[in-house]
Amino acid sequence: MKNKTAIPRNFEEYFTSFPENEQAILEELRKTIAKAAPAAEEVISYQMPAYKLHGMLVYFAAYKNHIGFYPGAGANSEFKKELSVYKGAKGSVQFPINLPLPLKLITRIVKFRVNQNVEKEKNKIKK
């Protein structure tokens, strides 16, 4: 990131703080998430691009050697086998910057998160 002290106000400000090759990767991820969750709202949260639909869906961020993707612990558990080839922690995964993003897997994870949040919202309404 070029200017780490500036807090981005939107995706464009966040993206333009990176070199062009990383901007292209971030834009590809943005389009993939937006297609998988068309009703989700783009927001900046924790100084990262994120998507919100009945609560937070996913976050992502660019780093020197990877793209951090943060779908939460439930999604990581659900897709444990597919994500096992990547570094990660309880609610995060690191996609190496020098490899193509696993867009089909990301799509499935985002759709899973949408379903989780929609179900959570339905249960709130029933109470």
Protein backbone atom coordinates (compact mmCIF):
# COMPACT_ATOMS: atom_id res chain seq x y z
CA MET A 1 0.00 0.00 0.00
CA LYS A 2 1.43 3.37 -0.98
CA ASN A 3 -0.03 5.51 1.82
CA LYS A 4 -0.73 3.44 4.91
CA THR A 5 -1.74 6.43 7.02
CA ALA A 6 -4.67 7.51 4.84
CA ILE A 7 -7.92 5.77 5.72
CA PRO A 8 -9.75 4.84 2.51
CA ARG A 9 -13.31 6.10 2.20
CA ASN A 10 -14.29 3.70 -0.57
CA PHE A 11 -13.03 0.81 -2.68
CA GLU A 12 -11.47 3.09 -5.29
CA GLU A 13 -9.36 4.91 -2.73
CA TYR A 14 -8.27 1.59 -1.27
CA PHE A 15 -7.44 0.06 -4.65
CA THR A 16 -5.48 3.05 -5.98
CA SER A 17 -3.15 2.86 -2.99
CA PHE A 18 -1.62 -0.31 -4.55
CA PRO A 19 0.46 -0.99 -7.67
CA GLU A 20 -1.51 -1.66 -10.87
CA ASN A 21 -0.99 -5.44 -10.83
CA GLU A 22 -2.47 -5.65 -7.33
CA GLN A 23 -5.29 -3.29 -8.31
CA ALA A 24 -6.24 -5.72 -11.07
CA ILE A 25 -6.36 -8.62 -8.59
CA LEU A 26 -8.46 -6.59 -6.15
CA GLU A 27 -10.86 -5.59 -8.93
CA GLU A 28 -11.20 -9.22 -10.02
CA LEU A 29 -12.03 -10.19 -6.44
CA ARG A 30 -14.49 -7.28 -6.16
CA LYS A 31 -16.35 -8.35 -9.31
CA THR A 32 -16.47 -11.98 -8.18
CA ILE A 33 -17.92 -11.10 -4.78
CA ALA A 34 -20.40 -8.61 -6.25
CA LYS A 35 -21.63 -11.21 -8.74
CA ALA A 36 -22.05 -13.83 -5.99
CA ALA A 37 -23.83 -11.36 -3.70
CA PRO A 38 -25.47 -8.75 -5.95
CA ALA A 39 -27.62 -7.31 -3.15
CA ALA A 40 -24.64 -6.75 -0.86
CA GLU A 41 -23.38 -3.27 -0.10
CA GLU A 42 -19.74 -2.29 -0.57
CA VAL A 43 -18.29 -0.76 2.59
CA ILE A 44 -14.94 0.01 4.14
CA SER A 45 -14.62 -1.63 7.54
CA TYR A 46 -11.46 -2.01 9.61
CA GLN A 47 -9.82 0.01 6.79
CA MET A 48 -10.51 -2.85 4.34
CA PRO A 49 -12.97 -3.39 1.51
CA ALA A 50 -15.91 -5.43 2.75
CA TYR A 51 -19.40 -6.50 1.79
CA LYS A 52 -22.46 -6.22 3.97
CA LEU A 53 -25.84 -7.95 3.68
CA HIS A 54 -27.81 -8.49 6.88
CA GLY A 55 -24.49 -8.06 8.64
CA MET A 56 -20.94 -8.39 7.38
CA LEU A 57 -20.33 -11.00 4.68
CA VAL A 58 -16.63 -10.90 3.81
CA TYR A 59 -13.62 -8.61 4.01
CA PHE A 60 -10.49 -8.61 1.88
CA ALA A 61 -7.16 -6.82 1.82
CA ALA A 62 -3.95 -6.72 -0.19
CA TYR A 63 -0.58 -7.41 1.38
CA LYS A 64 2.93 -7.72 0.00
CA ASN A 65 2.72 -11.44 -0.80
CA HIS A 66 -0.96 -12.33 -0.56
CA ILE A 67 -4.57 -11.26 -0.66
CA GLY A 68 -6.20 -11.71 2.72
CA PHE A 69 -9.76 -12.97 2.50
CA TYR A 70 -11.89 -12.94 5.64
CA PRO A 71 -15.15 -14.91 5.35
CA GLY A 72 -15.33 -15.85 9.03
CA ALA A 73 -14.80 -19.04 10.95
CA GLY A 74 -18.02 -20.74 9.82
CA ALA A 75 -17.11 -20.45 6.17
CA ASN A 76 -13.55 -21.59 6.78
CA SER A 77 -14.90 -24.63 8.60
CA GLU A 78 -17.41 -25.38 5.82
CA PHE A 79 -14.72 -25.18 3.11
CA LYS A 80 -11.89 -26.58 5.21
CA LYS A 81 -10.78 -29.16 2.65
CA GLU A 82 -10.65 -26.72 -0.28
CA LEU A 83 -8.93 -24.05 1.81
CA SER A 84 -6.35 -26.44 3.27
CA VAL A 85 -3.93 -25.67 0.42
CA TYR A 86 -3.71 -22.04 1.57
CA LYS A 87 -2.30 -20.42 4.69
CA GLY A 88 -4.92 -19.11 7.01
CA ALA A 89 -6.35 -18.92 10.48
CA LYS A 90 -9.74 -19.48 12.07
CA GLY A 91 -11.64 -16.90 9.98
CA SER A 92 -9.13 -15.96 7.30
CA VAL A 93 -7.28 -17.30 4.30
CA GLN A 94 -4.26 -16.05 2.38
CA PHE A 95 -4.28 -16.30 -1.41
CA PRO A 96 -0.72 -15.91 -2.77
CA ILE A 97 -0.43 -12.79 -4.90
CA ASN A 98 1.57 -14.63 -7.57
CA LEU A 99 -1.13 -17.25 -8.23
CA PRO A 100 -4.57 -16.86 -9.82
CA LEU A 101 -7.39 -16.34 -7.34
CA PRO A 102 -9.63 -19.40 -6.86
CA LEU A 103 -12.66 -17.50 -8.13
CA LYS A 104 -15.06 -20.46 -8.19
CA LEU A 105 -14.20 -21.27 -4.57
CA ILE A 106 -14.55 -17.62 -3.56
CA THR A 107 -17.97 -17.52 -5.25
CA ARG A 108 -19.10 -20.59 -3.32
CA ILE A 109 -17.83 -19.14 -0.04
CA VAL A 110 -19.59 -15.81 -0.62
CA LYS A 111 -22.86 -17.54 -1.49
CA PHE A 112 -22.51 -19.66 1.66
CA ARG A 113 -22.03 -16.48 3.71
CA VAL A 114 -25.07 -14.86 2.06
CA ASN A 115 -27.17 -17.89 3.01
CA GLN A 116 -25.82 -17.78 6.57
CA ASN A 117 -26.71 -14.11 6.96
CA VAL A 118 -30.14 -14.48 5.34
CA GLU A 119 -30.98 -17.38 7.67
CA LYS A 120 -29.75 -15.40 10.68
CA GLU A 121 -31.96 -12.48 9.61
CA LYS A 122 -35.01 -14.76 9.14
CA ASN A 123 -34.49 -16.17 12.64
CA LYS A 124 -34.35 -12.63 14.09
CA ILE A 125 -37.65 -11.75 12.41
CA LYS A 126 -39.36 -14.90 13.77
CA LYS A 127 -38.48 -14.00 17.37
